[in-house]
Amino acid sequence: MRLDAEGTSFRQMLESVREELASAHLRNPAVEIGEIAFLLGYSESSAFHRWFKRRTGRTPLEFRRAGPQRDPAVDL
């Protein structure tokens, strides 16, 4: 399989894309956290909170309150 050859899996790619989308949505204060959870396919906001905390080490609200973060890849 091609993904195996690249050293990744569909699951890993999905998680990465979800994290990028979650981060982008959280930077927009007009989008409620519950709505972000729904957009990312979570039936419960609490499941999204747990997933985001596992992935980033911060809750969605902590991430949002930290303000906009710069993406080092964009500066290249």
Protein backbone atom coordinates (compact mmCIF):
# COMPACT_ATOMS: atom_id res chain seq x y z
CA MET A 1 0.00 0.00 0.00
CA ARG A 2 1.26 3.49 -0.81
CA LEU A 3 0.67 4.95 2.64
CA ASP A 4 2.75 2.19 4.20
CA ALA A 5 5.55 3.03 1.79
CA GLU A 6 5.35 6.64 2.99
CA GLY A 7 5.56 5.51 6.61
CA THR A 8 2.04 6.59 7.53
CA SER A 9 -1.52 5.32 7.65
CA PHE A 10 -4.94 6.63 6.76
CA ARG A 11 -5.69 7.00 10.48
CA GLN A 12 -2.56 9.11 11.06
CA MET A 13 -3.38 11.33 8.11
CA LEU A 14 -6.98 11.74 9.27
CA GLU A 15 -5.82 12.73 12.77
CA SER A 16 -3.39 15.28 11.34
CA VAL A 17 -6.03 16.85 9.11
CA ARG A 18 -8.51 16.94 12.01
CA GLU A 19 -5.94 18.70 14.18
CA GLU A 20 -5.22 21.28 11.49
CA LEU A 21 -8.93 21.94 10.96
CA ALA A 22 -9.63 22.12 14.68
CA SER A 23 -6.79 24.60 15.18
CA ALA A 24 -7.96 26.74 12.28
CA HIS A 25 -11.55 26.80 13.54
CA LEU A 26 -10.46 27.54 17.11
CA ARG A 27 -8.61 30.61 15.88
CA ASN A 28 -11.96 32.01 14.76
CA PRO A 29 -13.83 33.15 17.89
CA ALA A 30 -17.09 33.33 15.94
CA VAL A 31 -17.18 29.52 15.69
CA GLU A 32 -18.37 27.83 18.87
CA ILE A 33 -16.43 24.86 20.20
CA GLY A 34 -19.52 22.65 20.04
CA GLU A 35 -19.89 23.52 16.36
CA ILE A 36 -16.25 22.65 15.73
CA ALA A 37 -16.80 19.27 17.39
CA PHE A 38 -19.76 18.64 15.09
CA LEU A 39 -17.85 19.77 11.97
CA LEU A 40 -15.06 17.33 12.80
CA GLY A 41 -17.45 14.42 13.19
CA TYR A 42 -17.82 14.20 16.96
CA SER A 43 -21.32 13.50 18.25
CA GLU A 44 -20.42 14.92 21.66
CA SER A 45 -18.43 18.03 22.46
CA SER A 46 -16.80 16.20 25.39
CA ALA A 47 -15.29 13.60 23.02
CA PHE A 48 -13.77 16.41 20.96
CA HIS A 49 -12.37 18.02 24.13
CA ARG A 50 -10.69 14.74 25.18
CA TRP A 51 -9.29 14.11 21.70
CA PHE A 52 -7.95 17.67 21.36
CA LYS A 53 -6.32 17.55 24.81
CA ARG A 54 -4.62 14.24 23.93
CA ARG A 55 -3.37 15.62 20.62
CA THR A 56 -2.18 19.06 21.76
CA GLY A 57 -1.82 18.94 25.52
CA ARG A 58 -4.35 21.78 25.87
CA THR A 59 -8.12 21.98 25.94
CA PRO A 60 -9.82 23.70 23.02
CA LEU A 61 -10.60 26.68 25.27
CA GLU A 62 -6.98 26.94 26.45
CA PHE A 63 -5.85 26.83 22.81
CA ARG A 64 -8.34 29.54 21.86
CA ARG A 65 -7.42 31.78 24.80
CA ALA A 66 -3.73 31.54 23.90
CA GLY A 67 -4.55 33.54 20.80
CA PRO A 68 -3.39 33.09 17.24
CA GLN A 69 -0.30 30.99 16.90
CA ARG A 70 2.01 31.34 13.97
CA ASP A 71 2.62 28.28 11.85
CA PRO A 72 6.39 27.99 11.31
CA ALA A 73 5.77 26.18 8.00
CA VAL A 74 4.07 29.30 6.62
CA ASP A 75 7.20 31.36 7.27
CA LEU A 76 9.32 29.19 4.98
